[in-house]
Protein backbone atom coordinates (compact mmCIF):
# COMPACT_ATOMS: atom_id res chain seq x y z
CA MET A 1 -92.81 43.71 30.72
CA LEU A 2 -96.47 43.18 29.48
CA PRO A 3 -98.31 40.18 30.98
CA ARG A 4 -98.70 37.24 28.46
CA VAL A 5 -100.06 33.80 28.70
CA LYS A 6 -97.19 31.29 29.43
CA SER A 7 -99.32 28.23 29.63
CA ILE A 8 -102.86 26.89 29.83
CA LEU A 9 -103.52 25.03 33.25
CA ALA A 10 -107.08 24.19 33.17
CA VAL A 11 -110.12 24.72 30.85
CA GLU A 12 -113.80 24.40 31.79
CA PRO A 13 -116.95 25.69 30.07
CA TYR A 14 -116.06 29.39 29.23
CA LYS A 15 -113.15 29.64 31.68
CA VAL A 16 -109.68 29.23 31.08
CA ARG A 17 -106.98 29.23 34.03
CA CYS A 18 -103.56 30.31 32.63
CA LEU A 19 -100.03 30.86 34.12
CA TRP A 20 -98.86 34.37 33.00
CA THR A 21 -95.34 35.53 32.33
CA THR A 22 -95.95 37.53 35.64
CA GLY A 23 -96.06 34.28 37.62
CA GLU A 24 -99.56 34.72 38.47
CA VAL A 25 -102.32 32.24 37.97
CA ARG A 26 -105.23 33.86 36.58
CA GLU A 27 -108.80 32.69 35.26
CA VAL A 28 -110.15 34.38 32.13
CA ASP A 29 -113.94 34.22 31.98
CA PHE A 30 -115.20 34.17 28.38
CA LEU A 31 -118.96 34.32 29.13
CA PRO A 32 -118.95 38.04 29.04
CA TYR A 33 -117.35 37.87 25.50
CA LEU A 34 -120.09 35.31 24.44
CA THR A 35 -123.04 37.40 25.79
CA GLU A 36 -121.68 40.66 24.38
CA SER A 37 -121.18 39.27 20.84
CA LYS A 38 -123.39 39.95 17.88
CA PRO A 39 -125.35 36.90 16.97
CA HIS A 40 -123.37 35.92 13.74
CA SER A 41 -120.10 36.70 15.20
CA PRO A 42 -117.39 34.06 14.98
CA VAL A 43 -116.98 34.26 18.82
CA THR A 44 -120.59 32.87 19.37
CA ARG A 45 -119.14 29.70 17.91
CA LEU A 46 -117.34 29.19 21.27
CA THR A 47 -120.66 28.36 22.88
CA ASP A 48 -119.91 24.85 21.72
CA THR A 49 -118.13 23.49 24.87
CA ASN A 50 -116.17 20.83 22.68
CA LEU A 51 -114.91 23.63 20.47
CA PHE A 52 -114.16 25.93 23.46
CA LYS A 53 -111.94 23.07 25.02
CA GLN A 54 -109.62 23.29 21.98
CA VAL A 55 -108.32 26.51 23.11
CA LYS A 56 -104.49 27.09 22.53
CA THR A 57 -101.72 29.48 23.66
CA ASP A 58 -98.89 30.77 21.60
CA GLY A 59 -96.91 31.86 24.52
CA ARG A 60 -98.60 35.28 24.03
CA THR A 61 -102.27 34.85 24.17
CA LEU A 62 -105.14 32.55 23.75
CA TYR A 63 -106.68 31.39 20.43
CA TRP A 64 -108.81 28.87 18.55
CA ASP A 65 -107.73 27.59 15.14
CA ASP A 66 -109.43 28.25 11.95
CA LEU A 67 -112.55 30.03 13.48
CA LEU A 68 -112.15 33.13 10.98
CA THR A 69 -111.64 33.48 7.37
CA MET A 70 -108.82 35.76 5.91
CA ILE A 71 -109.18 37.10 2.53
CA ASP A 72 -105.78 37.61 0.83
CA TYR A 73 -104.54 40.26 -1.52
CA ASP A 74 -105.30 38.06 -4.53
CA GLY A 75 -108.93 37.44 -3.05
CA SER A 76 -108.33 33.65 -2.02
CA HIS A 77 -109.83 32.75 1.35
CA HIS A 78 -107.64 31.19 4.01
CA PRO A 79 -108.56 29.84 7.55
CA ALA A 80 -107.30 32.09 10.41
CA PRO A 81 -107.31 31.63 14.17
CA LEU A 82 -109.52 33.71 16.47
CA ASP A 83 -107.49 35.17 19.01
CA PHE A 84 -107.74 37.87 21.85
CA ASP A 85 -105.66 40.75 22.98
CA PRO A 86 -103.40 39.46 25.81
CA ASP A 87 -103.86 42.92 27.59
CA VAL A 88 -107.58 42.83 27.54
CA LEU A 89 -107.41 38.99 28.76
CA TYR A 90 -105.08 40.08 31.71
CA GLN A 91 -107.33 43.08 32.58
CA ARG A 92 -110.63 41.09 32.53
CA SER A 93 -109.00 38.10 34.22
CA ARG A 94 -109.19 37.27 37.85
CA LEU A 95 -106.26 36.13 40.20
CA VAL A 96 -106.66 32.60 41.19
CA ASN A 97 -105.13 31.74 44.71
CA PRO A 98 -102.35 29.22 44.31
């Protein structure tokens, strides 16, 4: 079974502590994502700590509502979530002592 985010336990500036489906508590530090992002990337919007705190999980990964715009087949624009690959999050997270 691939590790997935089961629930969010704590959020602080640029770090999210999660319970994973493996039973582990791991912390994901988003600061590297923010510093690696290009200046006009939607990811840079997460530097706003109030926005960062709005992180959610769908039982698979972490995401923020409506930070992207999806263009549909008919050319219409729709808000879309900004999410991260759960495998990458797991690999880049650190185990937290219970």
